[in-house]
């Protein structure tokens, strides 16, 4: 199929190059609690909801430092100001604007499927008006969302709102958690391979790309 029923886009690391900034924020925040996050830790956090990241980092602090885990509020009080300072620096991922514009030209319905909460999405997207054409959005704090990525719920909810079958959707992801989520939902998964990973690090059956410019949408129709 050269034109899908819908395109479901992750945000962080897929459309906007925010993942290095998120990693820096979590690394600096964890350091305030005597925890040094490894590259593997940061990859494990990638693509997950804030509440799930907080739970993981708190468990690592308690399990590795010998210190009591901070409260969610205490950890976020350190991490969030760092993240908000960094996020305005995020640039579009190469090829992202052209891909979204191509969907619009072809009339392909689009949805944003992100683990970021609504407030964070608004803050990140504000400098990028080209994202406003993606009308449907499933965010990490969506009241209809039971579980976040890597559970299939976010992509199932997006497909339901667009009134299409998940099997007929192209789901674009960069994180392992997000790719697993989309795969479990039954979507056709297109992965922008994250730095430090290979296609073998993602679920079986995904299509891997090193650049969004490689994606052929509507070719041959």
N, C-alpha and C. Protein backbone atom coordinates (compact mmCIF):
# COMPACT_ATOMS: atom_id res chain seq x y z
N UNK A 1 0.85 -1.19 0.00
CA UNK A 1 0.00 0.00 0.00
C UNK A 1 0.88 1.25 0.00
N UNK A 2 0.69 2.11 -1.01
CA UNK A 2 1.53 3.30 -1.08
C UNK A 2 0.90 4.49 -0.38
N UNK A 3 -0.43 4.43 -0.14
CA UNK A 3 -1.09 5.48 0.63
C UNK A 3 -1.87 4.80 1.75
N UNK A 4 -1.51 5.05 3.02
CA UNK A 4 -2.21 4.42 4.14
C UNK A 4 -3.54 5.10 4.44
N UNK A 5 -4.35 4.45 5.26
CA UNK A 5 -5.61 5.05 5.68
C UNK A 5 -5.36 6.25 6.58
N UNK A 6 -4.25 6.23 7.30
CA UNK A 6 -3.87 7.35 8.17
C UNK A 6 -2.40 7.21 8.53
N UNK A 7 -1.80 8.32 8.89
CA UNK A 7 -0.43 8.33 9.41
C UNK A 7 -0.48 8.78 10.87
N UNK A 8 0.10 7.97 11.73
CA UNK A 8 0.12 8.23 13.16
C UNK A 8 1.56 8.56 13.55
N UNK A 9 1.77 9.77 14.01
CA UNK A 9 3.13 10.25 14.26
C UNK A 9 3.43 10.38 15.75
N UNK A 10 4.55 9.82 16.16
CA UNK A 10 5.13 10.18 17.44
C UNK A 10 5.65 11.62 17.32
N UNK A 11 5.92 12.25 18.43
CA UNK A 11 6.42 13.63 18.41
C UNK A 11 7.90 13.71 18.72
N UNK A 12 8.27 13.33 19.94
CA UNK A 12 9.65 13.49 20.40
C UNK A 12 10.59 12.51 19.72
N UNK A 13 11.59 13.07 19.03
CA UNK A 13 12.57 12.24 18.35
C UNK A 13 12.14 11.81 16.96
N UNK A 14 10.88 12.05 16.62
CA UNK A 14 10.35 11.66 15.30
C UNK A 14 10.03 12.89 14.45
N UNK A 15 9.26 13.81 15.01
CA UNK A 15 8.97 15.07 14.31
C UNK A 15 9.84 16.21 14.82
N UNK A 16 10.06 16.23 16.13
CA UNK A 16 10.93 17.24 16.73
C UNK A 16 12.12 16.56 17.39
N UNK A 17 13.29 17.16 17.25
CA UNK A 17 14.52 16.57 17.78
C UNK A 17 14.69 16.92 19.25
N UNK A 18 13.77 16.43 20.06
CA UNK A 18 13.77 16.76 21.49
C UNK A 18 14.46 15.71 22.36
N UNK A 19 14.68 14.51 21.82
CA UNK A 19 15.17 13.43 22.68
C UNK A 19 16.51 13.73 23.35
N UNK A 20 17.49 14.32 22.64
CA UNK A 20 18.73 14.67 23.34
C UNK A 20 18.49 15.66 24.48
N UNK A 21 17.49 16.53 24.32
CA UNK A 21 17.18 17.52 25.35
C UNK A 21 16.49 16.85 26.54
N UNK A 22 15.57 15.92 26.27
CA UNK A 22 14.96 15.16 27.35
C UNK A 22 16.03 14.37 28.11
N UNK A 23 16.93 13.76 27.37
CA UNK A 23 18.00 12.97 28.01
C UNK A 23 18.85 13.85 28.92
N UNK A 24 19.19 15.04 28.44
CA UNK A 24 19.98 15.96 29.26
C UNK A 24 19.23 16.35 30.52
N UNK A 25 17.92 16.61 30.38
CA UNK A 25 17.13 17.02 31.55
C UNK A 25 17.06 15.90 32.58
N UNK A 26 16.83 14.67 32.13
CA UNK A 26 16.77 13.55 33.08
C UNK A 26 18.13 13.26 33.69
N UNK A 27 19.18 13.40 32.89
CA UNK A 27 20.53 13.13 33.42
C UNK A 27 20.90 14.16 34.49
N UNK A 28 20.61 15.43 34.22
CA UNK A 28 20.93 16.47 35.21
C UNK A 28 20.08 16.31 36.47
N UNK A 29 18.81 16.00 36.28
CA UNK A 29 17.92 15.84 37.43
C UNK A 29 18.33 14.65 38.28
N UNK A 30 18.62 13.53 37.64
CA UNK A 30 19.04 12.34 38.39
C UNK A 30 20.32 12.60 39.15
N UNK A 31 21.21 13.39 38.54
CA UNK A 31 22.47 13.71 39.21
C UNK A 31 22.28 14.46 40.51
N UNK A 32 21.19 15.23 40.60
CA UNK A 32 20.90 15.93 41.84
C UNK A 32 20.53 14.98 42.97
N UNK A 33 20.22 13.73 42.60
CA UNK A 33 19.89 12.71 43.60
C UNK A 33 20.94 11.60 43.61
N UNK A 34 22.16 11.96 43.18
CA UNK A 34 23.33 11.07 43.23
C UNK A 34 23.22 9.86 42.30
N UNK A 35 22.41 9.97 41.26
CA UNK A 35 22.27 8.88 40.30
C UNK A 35 22.83 9.30 38.95
N UNK A 36 23.73 8.49 38.41
CA UNK A 36 24.25 8.74 37.07
C UNK A 36 23.52 7.81 36.10
N UNK A 37 22.81 8.40 35.15
CA UNK A 37 22.06 7.61 34.17
C UNK A 37 22.97 7.20 33.02
N UNK A 38 22.89 5.92 32.65
CA UNK A 38 23.68 5.42 31.53
C UNK A 38 22.93 5.66 30.23
N UNK A 39 23.62 5.43 29.11
CA UNK A 39 22.95 5.54 27.81
C UNK A 39 21.82 4.54 27.71
N UNK A 40 22.03 3.35 28.29
CA UNK A 40 20.97 2.34 28.28
C UNK A 40 19.75 2.80 29.07
N UNK A 41 19.99 3.45 30.20
CA UNK A 41 18.88 3.99 30.99
C UNK A 41 18.08 5.01 30.18
N UNK A 42 18.81 5.89 29.49
CA UNK A 42 18.14 6.94 28.73
C UNK A 42 17.34 6.36 27.56
N UNK A 43 17.86 5.31 26.94
CA UNK A 43 17.10 4.65 25.88
C UNK A 43 15.84 4.01 26.44
N UNK A 44 15.93 3.50 27.67
CA UNK A 44 14.77 2.87 28.30
C UNK A 44 13.69 3.90 28.62
N UNK A 45 14.09 5.11 28.93
CA UNK A 45 13.13 6.18 29.21
C UNK A 45 12.49 6.73 27.94
N UNK A 46 13.17 6.58 26.84
CA UNK A 46 12.74 7.20 25.57
C UNK A 46 11.37 6.69 25.15
N UNK A 47 10.49 7.62 24.85
CA UNK A 47 9.17 7.28 24.33
C UNK A 47 8.11 7.03 25.38
N UNK A 48 8.46 7.09 26.66
CA UNK A 48 7.50 6.78 27.72
C UNK A 48 6.88 8.05 28.29
N UNK A 49 5.73 7.88 28.92
CA UNK A 49 5.05 9.00 29.56
C UNK A 49 5.87 9.53 30.73
N UNK A 50 5.68 10.79 31.05
CA UNK A 50 6.41 11.40 32.16
C UNK A 50 6.22 10.62 33.46
N UNK A 51 4.97 10.22 33.73
CA UNK A 51 4.69 9.49 34.97
C UNK A 51 5.45 8.17 35.02
N UNK A 52 5.61 7.52 33.87
CA UNK A 52 6.34 6.25 33.83
C UNK A 52 7.84 6.48 33.96
N UNK A 53 8.34 7.56 33.36
CA UNK A 53 9.76 7.90 33.51
C UNK A 53 10.09 8.21 34.97
N UNK A 54 9.21 8.96 35.62
CA UNK A 54 9.42 9.30 37.03
C UNK A 54 9.50 8.04 37.87
N UNK A 55 8.59 7.10 37.64
CA UNK A 55 8.59 5.86 38.41
C UNK A 55 9.89 5.09 38.21
N UNK A 56 10.37 5.04 36.98
CA UNK A 56 11.62 4.32 36.70
C UNK A 56 12.81 4.99 37.39
N UNK A 57 12.91 6.32 37.23
CA UNK A 57 14.07 7.02 37.81
C UNK A 57 14.03 6.92 39.34
N UNK A 58 12.86 7.03 39.94
CA UNK A 58 12.76 6.89 41.40
C UNK A 58 13.21 5.50 41.84
N UNK A 59 12.83 4.48 41.08
CA UNK A 59 13.23 3.12 41.45
C UNK A 59 14.73 2.93 41.31
N UNK A 60 15.33 3.57 40.30
CA UNK A 60 16.78 3.48 40.12
C UNK A 60 17.52 4.21 41.24
N UNK A 61 17.01 5.35 41.65
CA UNK A 61 17.63 6.08 42.76
C UNK A 61 17.62 5.23 44.01
N UNK A 62 16.47 4.65 44.32
CA UNK A 62 16.36 3.82 45.53
C UNK A 62 17.20 2.56 45.43
N UNK A 63 17.28 1.98 44.24
CA UNK A 63 17.96 0.70 44.08
C UNK A 63 19.46 0.80 43.91
N UNK A 64 19.96 1.95 43.47
CA UNK A 64 21.39 2.04 43.13
C UNK A 64 22.19 2.96 44.04
N UNK A 65 21.55 3.93 44.66
CA UNK A 65 22.31 4.92 45.43
C UNK A 65 22.29 4.67 46.93
N UNK A 66 21.36 3.84 47.37
CA UNK A 66 21.21 3.63 48.82
C UNK A 66 20.46 4.75 49.49
N UNK A 67 19.99 5.70 48.70
CA UNK A 67 19.22 6.82 49.24
C UNK A 67 17.73 6.53 49.07
N UNK A 68 16.90 7.09 49.91
CA UNK A 68 15.46 6.92 49.72
C UNK A 68 15.00 7.59 48.43
N UNK A 69 14.04 7.00 47.78
CA UNK A 69 13.53 7.57 46.54
C UNK A 69 12.84 8.90 46.83
N UNK A 70 13.10 9.92 46.03
CA UNK A 70 12.38 11.18 46.22
C UNK A 70 10.92 11.01 45.81
N UNK A 71 10.09 11.91 46.23
CA UNK A 71 8.70 11.89 45.79
C UNK A 71 8.64 12.27 44.32
N UNK A 72 7.53 11.94 43.68
CA UNK A 72 7.34 12.35 42.29
C UNK A 72 7.51 13.86 42.17
N UNK A 73 6.91 14.59 43.11
CA UNK A 73 6.94 16.05 43.06
C UNK A 73 8.35 16.59 43.20
N UNK A 74 9.15 15.97 44.08
CA UNK A 74 10.52 16.45 44.29
C UNK A 74 11.38 16.23 43.06
N UNK A 75 11.20 15.08 42.42
CA UNK A 75 11.98 14.78 41.22
C UNK A 75 11.58 15.71 40.08
N UNK A 76 10.30 15.89 39.88
CA UNK A 76 9.83 16.75 38.80
C UNK A 76 10.16 18.22 39.05
N UNK A 77 10.24 18.62 40.32
CA UNK A 77 10.59 20.00 40.64
C UNK A 77 12.01 20.33 40.17
N UNK A 78 12.85 19.31 40.03
CA UNK A 78 14.20 19.49 39.50
C UNK A 78 14.21 19.32 37.99
N UNK A 79 13.54 18.26 37.50
CA UNK A 79 13.63 17.91 36.09
C UNK A 79 12.88 18.88 35.17
N UNK A 80 11.69 19.31 35.57
CA UNK A 80 10.85 20.10 34.68
C UNK A 80 11.44 21.47 34.32
N UNK A 81 11.99 22.22 35.26
CA UNK A 81 12.60 23.49 34.85
C UNK A 81 13.75 23.32 33.87
N UNK A 82 14.51 22.24 34.02
CA UNK A 82 15.60 21.98 33.07
C UNK A 82 15.02 21.71 31.69
N UNK A 83 13.99 20.85 31.64
CA UNK A 83 13.37 20.51 30.36
C UNK A 83 12.77 21.74 29.68
N UNK A 84 12.07 22.57 30.45
CA UNK A 84 11.44 23.75 29.86
C UNK A 84 12.48 24.75 29.37
N UNK A 85 13.63 24.80 30.01
CA UNK A 85 14.70 25.68 29.54
C UNK A 85 15.26 25.20 28.20
N UNK A 86 15.30 23.88 28.02
CA UNK A 86 15.94 23.31 26.84
C UNK A 86 15.01 23.18 25.63
N UNK A 87 13.72 22.92 25.85
CA UNK A 87 12.82 22.57 24.75
C UNK A 87 12.69 23.61 23.64
N UNK A 88 12.73 24.91 23.95
CA UNK A 88 12.64 25.87 22.83
C UNK A 88 13.77 25.74 21.82
N UNK A 89 14.82 25.02 22.18
CA UNK A 89 15.95 24.83 21.26
C UNK A 89 15.70 23.70 20.26
N UNK A 90 14.62 22.94 20.45
CA UNK A 90 14.38 21.77 19.60
C UNK A 90 14.07 22.20 18.16
N UNK A 91 14.67 21.49 17.23
CA UNK A 91 14.45 21.75 15.82
C UNK A 91 13.66 20.60 15.20
N UNK A 92 13.03 20.83 14.05
CA UNK A 92 12.37 19.72 13.37
C UNK A 92 13.38 18.65 12.97
N UNK A 93 12.96 17.41 13.05
CA UNK A 93 13.78 16.32 12.54
C UNK A 93 13.84 16.45 11.02
N UNK A 94 14.98 16.16 10.44
CA UNK A 94 15.15 16.30 9.00
C UNK A 94 14.10 15.47 8.26
N UNK A 95 13.38 16.11 7.37
CA UNK A 95 12.37 15.44 6.57
C UNK A 95 10.99 15.45 7.18
N UNK A 96 10.86 15.87 8.44
CA UNK A 96 9.56 15.81 9.12
C UNK A 96 8.55 16.77 8.51
N UNK A 97 8.94 18.00 8.29
CA UNK A 97 8.01 18.98 7.73
C UNK A 97 7.52 18.55 6.35
N UNK A 98 8.42 18.05 5.53
CA UNK A 98 8.06 17.62 4.19
C UNK A 98 7.11 16.43 4.23
N UNK A 99 7.32 15.51 5.17
CA UNK A 99 6.46 14.34 5.28
C UNK A 99 5.05 14.73 5.71
N UNK A 100 4.95 15.61 6.69
CA UNK A 100 3.64 16.08 7.13
C UNK A 100 2.94 16.84 6.00
N UNK A 101 3.67 17.66 5.28
CA UNK A 101 3.09 18.40 4.15
C UNK A 101 2.63 17.45 3.06
N UNK A 102 3.37 16.38 2.85
CA UNK A 102 3.00 15.38 1.84
C UNK A 102 1.69 14.70 2.22
N UNK A 103 1.54 14.38 3.48
CA UNK A 103 0.29 13.79 3.96
C UNK A 103 -0.87 14.74 3.70
N UNK A 104 -0.65 16.00 4.01
CA UNK A 104 -1.71 16.99 3.81
C UNK A 104 -2.08 17.11 2.33
N UNK A 105 -1.09 17.14 1.47
CA UNK A 105 -1.32 17.25 0.03
C UNK A 105 -2.13 16.06 -0.49
N UNK A 106 -1.83 14.88 0.00
CA UNK A 106 -2.50 13.66 -0.45
C UNK A 106 -3.83 13.42 0.27
N UNK A 107 -4.13 14.24 1.26
CA UNK A 107 -5.37 14.06 2.00
C UNK A 107 -5.35 12.88 2.95
N UNK A 108 -4.16 12.50 3.41
CA UNK A 108 -4.04 11.39 4.36
C UNK A 108 -4.32 11.90 5.76
N UNK A 109 -5.30 11.35 6.46
CA UNK A 109 -5.55 11.77 7.84
C UNK A 109 -4.33 11.54 8.72
N UNK A 110 -4.14 12.42 9.68
CA UNK A 110 -2.97 12.33 10.56
C UNK A 110 -3.39 12.45 12.01
N UNK A 111 -2.62 11.82 12.87
CA UNK A 111 -2.79 11.97 14.31
C UNK A 111 -1.43 12.01 14.97
N UNK A 112 -1.33 12.80 16.01
CA UNK A 112 -0.14 12.83 16.85
C UNK A 112 -0.37 11.85 17.99
N UNK A 113 0.56 10.93 18.18
CA UNK A 113 0.44 9.92 19.23
C UNK A 113 1.70 10.02 20.08
N UNK A 114 1.60 10.76 21.17
CA UNK A 114 2.79 11.09 21.96
C UNK A 114 2.59 10.78 23.43
N UNK A 115 3.69 10.45 24.08
CA UNK A 115 3.67 10.21 25.52
C UNK A 115 3.71 11.52 26.31
N UNK A 116 4.02 12.62 25.65
CA UNK A 116 4.08 13.91 26.33
C UNK A 116 2.69 14.36 26.74
N UNK A 117 2.59 15.02 27.88
CA UNK A 117 1.33 15.55 28.36
C UNK A 117 0.93 16.77 27.53
N UNK A 118 -0.35 17.12 27.61
CA UNK A 118 -0.89 18.18 26.75
C UNK A 118 -0.16 19.51 26.93
N UNK A 119 0.15 19.86 28.17
CA UNK A 119 0.85 21.13 28.41
C UNK A 119 2.22 21.12 27.75
N UNK A 120 2.93 19.98 27.85
CA UNK A 120 4.26 19.87 27.25
C UNK A 120 4.17 19.90 25.73
N UNK A 121 3.15 19.27 25.17
CA UNK A 121 2.97 19.26 23.72
C UNK A 121 2.74 20.69 23.22
N UNK A 122 1.90 21.43 23.90
CA UNK A 122 1.64 22.82 23.51
C UNK A 122 2.91 23.65 23.56
N UNK A 123 3.71 23.45 24.59
CA UNK A 123 4.95 24.20 24.77
C UNK A 123 5.95 23.87 23.66
N UNK A 124 6.08 22.57 23.35
CA UNK A 124 7.04 22.15 22.33
C UNK A 124 6.61 22.57 20.93
N UNK A 125 5.30 22.49 20.67
CA UNK A 125 4.80 22.75 19.32
C UNK A 125 4.65 24.23 19.01
N UNK A 126 4.61 25.07 20.02
CA UNK A 126 4.36 26.50 19.80
C UNK A 126 5.30 27.13 18.78
N UNK A 127 6.61 26.81 18.78
CA UNK A 127 7.50 27.42 17.79
C UNK A 127 7.39 26.76 16.41
N UNK A 128 6.51 25.77 16.25
CA UNK A 128 6.46 24.98 15.02
C UNK A 128 5.03 24.93 14.47
N UNK A 129 4.54 26.03 13.89
CA UNK A 129 3.15 26.07 13.42
C UNK A 129 2.83 25.04 12.34
N UNK A 130 3.83 24.50 11.68
CA UNK A 130 3.58 23.46 10.66
C UNK A 130 2.95 22.21 11.27
N UNK A 131 3.05 22.05 12.60
CA UNK A 131 2.43 20.91 13.26
C UNK A 131 0.93 21.09 13.48
N UNK A 132 0.43 22.30 13.28
CA UNK A 132 -0.98 22.58 13.54
C UNK A 132 -1.91 21.84 12.59
N UNK A 133 -1.39 21.34 11.47
CA UNK A 133 -2.24 20.62 10.52
C UNK A 133 -2.61 19.23 11.03
N UNK A 134 -1.92 18.77 12.09
CA UNK A 134 -2.25 17.47 12.68
C UNK A 134 -3.33 17.71 13.73
N UNK A 135 -4.56 17.54 13.33
CA UNK A 135 -5.70 17.91 14.19
C UNK A 135 -5.93 16.93 15.33
N UNK A 136 -5.83 15.64 15.04
CA UNK A 136 -6.12 14.62 16.05
C UNK A 136 -4.87 14.36 16.89
N UNK A 137 -5.06 14.33 18.21
CA UNK A 137 -3.91 14.14 19.10
C UNK A 137 -4.27 13.22 20.26
N UNK A 138 -3.41 12.24 20.48
CA UNK A 138 -3.50 11.39 21.67
C UNK A 138 -2.24 11.67 22.48
N UNK A 139 -2.43 12.23 23.67
CA UNK A 139 -1.29 12.64 24.49
C UNK A 139 -1.22 11.82 25.78
N UNK A 140 -0.12 11.93 26.47
CA UNK A 140 0.13 11.08 27.61
C UNK A 140 -0.86 11.22 28.74
N UNK A 141 -1.52 12.38 28.84
CA UNK A 141 -2.49 12.59 29.91
C UNK A 141 -3.93 12.56 29.38
N UNK A 142 -4.12 11.95 28.21
CA UNK A 142 -5.46 11.85 27.63
C UNK A 142 -6.38 11.10 28.59
N UNK A 143 -7.54 11.65 28.93
CA UNK A 143 -8.43 10.99 29.89
C UNK A 143 -8.96 9.64 29.41
N UNK A 144 -8.91 9.39 28.11
CA UNK A 144 -9.40 8.11 27.58
C UNK A 144 -8.29 7.07 27.50
N UNK A 145 -7.08 7.44 27.89
CA UNK A 145 -5.93 6.55 27.75
C UNK A 145 -5.71 5.77 29.04
N UNK A 146 -5.82 4.45 28.95
CA UNK A 146 -5.62 3.61 30.14
C UNK A 146 -4.14 3.42 30.43
N UNK A 147 -3.38 3.03 29.43
CA UNK A 147 -1.95 2.77 29.58
C UNK A 147 -1.18 3.48 28.48
N UNK A 148 0.04 3.88 28.79
CA UNK A 148 0.89 4.52 27.80
C UNK A 148 1.78 3.52 27.09
N UNK A 149 2.58 4.02 26.15
CA UNK A 149 3.56 3.19 25.47
C UNK A 149 4.48 2.54 26.51
N UNK A 150 4.81 1.27 26.38
CA UNK A 150 4.73 0.37 25.21
C UNK A 150 3.43 -0.40 25.06
N UNK A 151 2.43 -0.15 25.89
CA UNK A 151 1.12 -0.77 25.68
C UNK A 151 0.52 -0.25 24.37
N UNK A 152 -0.37 -1.00 23.74
CA UNK A 152 -0.92 -0.58 22.45
C UNK A 152 -1.98 0.52 22.53
N UNK A 153 -2.40 0.87 23.73
CA UNK A 153 -3.54 1.77 23.92
C UNK A 153 -3.46 3.08 23.14
N UNK A 154 -2.31 3.79 23.11
CA UNK A 154 -2.29 5.09 22.42
C UNK A 154 -2.63 4.98 20.93
N UNK A 155 -2.08 3.98 20.27
CA UNK A 155 -2.32 3.84 18.84
C UNK A 155 -3.72 3.31 18.55
N UNK A 156 -4.22 2.46 19.41
CA UNK A 156 -5.59 1.99 19.25
C UNK A 156 -6.58 3.14 19.39
N UNK A 157 -6.31 4.02 20.36
CA UNK A 157 -7.18 5.17 20.57
C UNK A 157 -7.12 6.13 19.38
N UNK A 158 -5.93 6.35 18.84
CA UNK A 158 -5.80 7.24 17.68
C UNK A 158 -6.56 6.70 16.48
N UNK A 159 -6.41 5.40 16.22
CA UNK A 159 -7.11 4.80 15.08
C UNK A 159 -8.63 4.88 15.27
N UNK A 160 -9.06 4.65 16.50
CA UNK A 160 -10.50 4.72 16.78
C UNK A 160 -11.04 6.13 16.53
N UNK A 161 -10.30 7.14 16.95
CA UNK A 161 -10.75 8.51 16.74
C UNK A 161 -10.77 8.90 15.26
N UNK A 162 -9.86 8.32 14.50
CA UNK A 162 -9.82 8.60 13.07
C UNK A 162 -10.79 7.71 12.29
N UNK A 163 -11.40 6.73 13.00
CA UNK A 163 -12.36 5.80 12.39
C UNK A 163 -11.71 4.98 11.27
N UNK A 164 -10.51 4.48 11.55
CA UNK A 164 -9.80 3.62 10.61
C UNK A 164 -9.29 2.39 11.36
N UNK A 165 -8.98 1.35 10.61
CA UNK A 165 -8.41 0.15 11.21
C UNK A 165 -6.92 0.38 11.50
N UNK A 166 -6.43 -0.02 12.67
CA UNK A 166 -4.99 0.12 12.93
C UNK A 166 -4.14 -0.57 11.87
N UNK A 167 -4.63 -1.67 11.32
CA UNK A 167 -3.86 -2.43 10.33
C UNK A 167 -3.64 -1.64 9.04
N UNK A 168 -4.47 -0.63 8.82
CA UNK A 168 -4.34 0.18 7.61
C UNK A 168 -3.58 1.48 7.85
N UNK A 169 -3.06 1.64 9.07
CA UNK A 169 -2.33 2.86 9.44
C UNK A 169 -0.83 2.66 9.37
N UNK A 170 -0.15 3.71 8.98
CA UNK A 170 1.31 3.76 9.13
C UNK A 170 1.60 4.48 10.44
N UNK A 171 2.30 3.82 11.35
CA UNK A 171 2.69 4.42 12.63
C UNK A 171 4.19 4.72 12.59
N UNK A 172 4.52 5.97 12.78
CA UNK A 172 5.92 6.41 12.72
C UNK A 172 6.46 6.56 14.14
N UNK A 173 7.55 5.87 14.43
CA UNK A 173 8.14 5.87 15.76
C UNK A 173 9.66 5.89 15.69
N UNK A 174 10.27 6.28 16.79
CA UNK A 174 11.72 6.20 16.90
C UNK A 174 12.16 5.42 18.13
N UNK A 175 11.30 5.36 19.14
CA UNK A 175 11.69 4.68 20.39
C UNK A 175 11.28 3.21 20.36
N UNK A 176 11.97 2.42 21.16
CA UNK A 176 11.62 1.00 21.27
C UNK A 176 10.25 0.84 21.90
N UNK A 177 9.96 1.65 22.92
CA UNK A 177 8.65 1.57 23.58
C UNK A 177 7.54 1.94 22.61
N UNK A 178 7.76 2.97 21.81
CA UNK A 178 6.75 3.41 20.86
C UNK A 178 6.54 2.40 19.74
N UNK A 179 7.63 1.84 19.24
CA UNK A 179 7.52 0.86 18.16
C UNK A 179 6.78 -0.39 18.64
N UNK A 180 7.05 -0.80 19.88
CA UNK A 180 6.34 -1.95 20.45
C UNK A 180 4.86 -1.64 20.60
N UNK A 181 4.55 -0.44 21.07
CA UNK A 181 3.17 0.00 21.22
C UNK A 181 2.42 -0.08 19.89
N UNK A 182 3.01 0.48 18.85
CA UNK A 182 2.37 0.49 17.54
C UNK A 182 2.24 -0.92 16.97
N UNK A 183 3.27 -1.73 17.18
CA UNK A 183 3.23 -3.10 16.70
C UNK A 183 2.14 -3.91 17.38
N UNK A 184 2.02 -3.78 18.69
CA UNK A 184 0.99 -4.49 19.44
C UNK A 184 -0.41 -4.03 19.05
N UNK A 185 -0.52 -2.78 18.61
CA UNK A 185 -1.81 -2.25 18.16
C UNK A 185 -2.19 -2.78 16.78
N UNK A 186 -1.24 -3.40 16.09
CA UNK A 186 -1.51 -3.96 14.77
C UNK A 186 -1.25 -3.02 13.63
N UNK A 187 -0.56 -1.90 13.90
CA UNK A 187 -0.24 -0.94 12.85
C UNK A 187 0.92 -1.43 11.98
N UNK A 188 1.04 -0.83 10.81
CA UNK A 188 2.25 -0.98 10.02
C UNK A 188 3.26 0.03 10.56
N UNK A 189 4.37 -0.47 11.09
CA UNK A 189 5.27 0.39 11.86
C UNK A 189 6.49 0.78 11.04
N UNK A 190 6.71 2.08 10.95
CA UNK A 190 7.88 2.64 10.28
C UNK A 190 8.75 3.30 11.35
N UNK A 191 9.98 2.85 11.46
CA UNK A 191 10.87 3.28 12.54
C UNK A 191 12.00 4.15 12.01
N UNK A 192 12.12 5.33 12.58
CA UNK A 192 13.30 6.15 12.39
C UNK A 192 14.29 5.70 13.45
N UNK A 193 15.28 4.94 13.06
CA UNK A 193 16.17 4.28 14.02
C UNK A 193 16.91 5.31 14.86
N UNK A 194 16.81 5.16 16.16
CA UNK A 194 17.43 6.10 17.10
C UNK A 194 18.94 5.89 17.14
N UNK A 195 19.69 6.95 17.41
CA UNK A 195 21.14 6.81 17.55
C UNK A 195 21.49 5.76 18.59
N UNK A 196 22.46 4.93 18.25
CA UNK A 196 22.90 3.87 19.17
C UNK A 196 22.13 2.58 19.03
N UNK A 197 21.12 2.55 18.17
CA UNK A 197 20.31 1.35 17.98
C UNK A 197 20.38 0.90 16.53
N UNK A 198 19.99 -0.36 16.30
CA UNK A 198 19.86 -0.90 14.96
C UNK A 198 18.46 -1.45 14.78
N UNK A 199 18.12 -1.85 13.58
CA UNK A 199 16.78 -2.35 13.31
C UNK A 199 16.46 -3.59 14.14
N UNK A 200 17.48 -4.36 14.47
CA UNK A 200 17.28 -5.57 15.27
C UNK A 200 16.85 -5.27 16.70
N UNK A 201 16.99 -4.02 17.12
CA UNK A 201 16.60 -3.64 18.48
C UNK A 201 15.11 -3.31 18.59
N UNK A 202 14.40 -3.37 17.48
CA UNK A 202 12.98 -3.06 17.45
C UNK A 202 12.18 -4.33 17.19
N UNK A 203 10.86 -4.28 17.37
CA UNK A 203 10.04 -5.47 17.14
C UNK A 203 10.16 -6.00 15.71
N UNK A 204 9.95 -7.29 15.55
CA UNK A 204 9.98 -7.90 14.22
C UNK A 204 8.91 -7.28 13.33
N UNK A 205 9.24 -7.16 12.06
CA UNK A 205 8.26 -6.72 11.09
C UNK A 205 8.19 -5.24 10.84
N UNK A 206 8.97 -4.45 11.59
CA UNK A 206 8.95 -3.00 11.34
C UNK A 206 9.80 -2.67 10.12
N UNK A 207 9.52 -1.53 9.51
CA UNK A 207 10.34 -1.02 8.42
C UNK A 207 11.23 0.07 8.97
N UNK A 208 12.52 -0.04 8.75
CA UNK A 208 13.48 0.88 9.37
C UNK A 208 14.02 1.88 8.37
N UNK A 209 14.20 3.09 8.86
CA UNK A 209 14.77 4.17 8.06
C UNK A 209 15.81 4.91 8.91
N UNK A 210 16.77 5.47 8.23
CA UNK A 210 17.75 6.32 8.91
C UNK A 210 17.41 7.80 8.75
N UNK A 211 16.47 8.08 7.85
CA UNK A 211 16.01 9.46 7.65
C UNK A 211 14.57 9.42 7.17
N UNK A 212 13.76 10.37 7.62
CA UNK A 212 12.39 10.46 7.14
C UNK A 212 12.34 10.79 5.65
N UNK A 213 13.41 11.30 5.11
CA UNK A 213 13.47 11.61 3.69
C UNK A 213 13.43 10.33 2.84
N UNK A 214 13.69 9.19 3.47
CA UNK A 214 13.65 7.91 2.75
C UNK A 214 12.23 7.37 2.58
N UNK A 215 11.28 7.92 3.34
CA UNK A 215 9.91 7.41 3.30
C UNK A 215 9.24 7.81 1.99
N UNK A 216 8.71 6.81 1.28
CA UNK A 216 8.01 7.04 0.02
C UNK A 216 6.52 6.95 0.25
N UNK A 217 5.87 8.07 0.27
CA UNK A 217 4.44 8.15 0.50
C UNK A 217 3.73 8.58 -0.77
N UNK A 218 2.82 7.73 -1.24
CA UNK A 218 2.08 8.06 -2.45
C UNK A 218 2.84 7.81 -3.73
N UNK A 219 4.02 7.18 -3.66
CA UNK A 219 4.80 6.89 -4.84
C UNK A 219 4.18 5.70 -5.57
N UNK A 220 4.00 5.82 -6.85
CA UNK A 220 3.48 4.72 -7.66
C UNK A 220 1.99 4.71 -7.77
N UNK A 221 1.33 5.74 -7.19
CA UNK A 221 -0.13 5.79 -7.30
C UNK A 221 -0.55 6.60 -8.52
